[in-house]
Amino acid sequence: MINNPSYSGRDPNVPDRDLPPVTVTTVESMEYVAPIKRIAWGAVFAGVVLAIGIQVLLNLLGAGIGASTIDPLRGDTPNAEVLGISAALWWILSGLIALFVGGWSGARSKLPAGQ
């Protein structure tokens, strides 16, 4: 109907009145915008692996430091309560550091979102 040269843009069933003319706009091309994927599972798994790796390394470091404080020959060993509290605090602190680094790297990763 639009390609018909005799089409005036008016409805033939409506009597001629002071109606504004109809303008027809043709669109040559439209750009398609893909929807944004909000989660990249590869980045999430990379962050988890990094967090677990950092947690293991920091726990090994803490175990090494704790083992170096024990000296059975001199008898200058901290008691079990102090050693246990220190180990618990180190475990919590190293866990928080590992979770922060893993979450930060997963959020900042530029891995594709499974397209």
Protein backbone atom coordinates (compact mmCIF):
# COMPACT_ATOMS: atom_id res chain seq x y z
CA MET A 1 0.00 0.00 0.00
CA ILE A 2 2.91 2.37 0.71
CA ASN A 3 4.60 1.61 -2.61
CA ASN A 4 1.38 2.47 -4.49
CA PRO A 5 1.96 5.85 -6.24
CA SER A 6 -1.74 6.73 -6.00
CA TYR A 7 -1.76 6.38 -2.23
CA SER A 8 -2.38 9.79 -0.73
CA GLY A 9 -1.90 8.90 2.91
CA ARG A 10 -5.58 9.40 3.71
CA ASP A 11 -8.10 6.78 4.65
CA PRO A 12 -10.68 6.51 1.85
CA ASN A 13 -13.43 5.76 4.37
CA VAL A 14 -12.94 9.06 6.16
CA PRO A 15 -14.40 12.15 4.46
CA ASP A 16 -11.95 14.86 3.44
CA ARG A 17 -11.51 17.25 6.28
CA ASP A 18 -8.64 19.29 7.51
CA LEU A 19 -6.55 16.30 8.46
CA PRO A 20 -2.80 16.58 8.65
CA PRO A 21 -0.98 14.73 5.90
CA VAL A 22 0.50 11.36 6.78
CA THR A 23 4.25 11.16 6.57
CA VAL A 24 5.80 7.80 5.81
CA THR A 25 9.30 7.21 7.05
CA THR A 26 11.30 4.29 5.74
CA VAL A 27 14.13 2.88 7.75
CA GLU A 28 17.08 1.80 5.63
CA SER A 29 18.88 -0.25 8.26
CA MET A 30 18.54 -0.86 11.94
CA GLU A 31 21.41 -1.70 14.23
CA TYR A 32 20.78 -4.73 16.40
CA VAL A 33 22.07 -4.44 19.93
CA ALA A 34 22.55 -7.76 21.66
CA PRO A 35 21.28 -8.00 25.22
CA ILE A 36 23.92 -7.63 27.91
CA LYS A 37 24.80 -10.81 29.70
CA ARG A 38 25.20 -9.89 33.32
CA ILE A 39 27.26 -12.83 34.54
CA ALA A 40 30.36 -14.48 33.13
CA TRP A 41 30.63 -17.95 34.60
CA GLY A 42 34.21 -18.31 33.43
CA ALA A 43 35.16 -15.27 35.49
CA VAL A 44 33.29 -16.65 38.50
CA PHE A 45 35.11 -19.99 38.32
CA ALA A 46 38.45 -18.24 37.80
CA GLY A 47 37.81 -16.16 40.94
CA VAL A 48 36.93 -19.29 42.93
CA VAL A 49 40.09 -21.09 41.82
CA LEU A 50 42.20 -18.03 42.64
CA ALA A 51 40.59 -17.68 46.07
CA ILE A 52 41.18 -21.34 46.91
CA GLY A 53 44.80 -21.12 45.74
CA ILE A 54 45.49 -18.01 47.81
CA GLN A 55 43.77 -19.57 50.83
CA VAL A 56 45.98 -22.67 50.59
CA LEU A 57 49.16 -20.61 50.19
CA LEU A 58 48.33 -18.31 53.11
CA ASN A 59 47.43 -21.28 55.32
CA LEU A 60 50.75 -22.93 54.48
CA LEU A 61 52.52 -19.70 55.33
CA GLY A 62 50.68 -19.55 58.65
CA ALA A 63 51.50 -23.18 59.40
CA GLY A 64 55.17 -22.48 58.68
CA ILE A 65 55.21 -19.43 60.94
CA GLY A 66 53.38 -21.35 63.67
CA ALA A 67 55.74 -24.30 63.41
CA SER A 68 58.74 -21.99 63.62
CA THR A 69 57.58 -20.68 67.00
CA ILE A 70 57.83 -24.15 68.55
CA ASP A 71 61.27 -24.90 69.94
CA PRO A 72 61.26 -28.15 71.91
CA LEU A 73 64.98 -27.99 72.79
CA ARG A 74 64.88 -24.65 74.59
CA GLY A 75 61.44 -25.08 76.13
CA ASP A 76 60.49 -21.62 74.92
CA THR A 77 57.23 -22.76 73.31
CA PRO A 78 54.01 -20.75 73.54
CA ASN A 79 51.20 -22.50 75.35
CA ALA A 80 48.44 -24.24 73.39
CA GLU A 81 45.84 -21.55 74.08
CA VAL A 82 47.93 -18.75 72.54
CA LEU A 83 48.91 -20.97 69.61
CA GLY A 84 45.27 -21.95 68.98
CA ILE A 85 43.97 -18.36 69.15
CA SER A 86 46.74 -17.18 66.84
CA ALA A 87 45.98 -19.99 64.37
CA ALA A 88 42.25 -19.16 64.39
CA LEU A 89 42.90 -15.46 63.82
CA TRP A 90 45.33 -16.23 60.99
CA TRP A 91 42.83 -18.64 59.40
CA ILE A 92 40.05 -16.01 59.48
CA LEU A 93 42.32 -13.23 58.21
CA SER A 94 43.77 -15.35 55.39
CA GLY A 95 40.26 -16.47 54.40
CA LEU A 96 39.06 -12.88 54.17
CA ILE A 97 42.10 -11.89 52.09
CA ALA A 98 41.60 -14.85 49.74
CA LEU A 99 37.88 -14.15 49.31
CA PHE A 100 38.53 -10.48 48.61
CA VAL A 101 41.19 -11.20 45.98
CA GLY A 102 39.09 -13.93 44.33
CA GLY A 103 35.97 -11.77 44.24
CA TRP A 104 37.84 -8.73 42.98
CA SER A 105 39.54 -10.64 40.19
CA GLY A 106 36.29 -12.35 39.19
CA ALA A 107 34.47 -9.03 39.04
CA ARG A 108 37.24 -7.34 37.04
CA SER A 109 37.75 -10.22 34.61
CA LYS A 110 37.14 -9.57 30.92
CA LEU A 111 36.23 -13.16 30.09
CA PRO A 112 33.39 -13.54 27.55
CA ALA A 113 29.94 -14.18 28.93
CA GLY A 114 29.30 -17.52 27.21
CA GLN A 115 28.18 -16.25 23.83
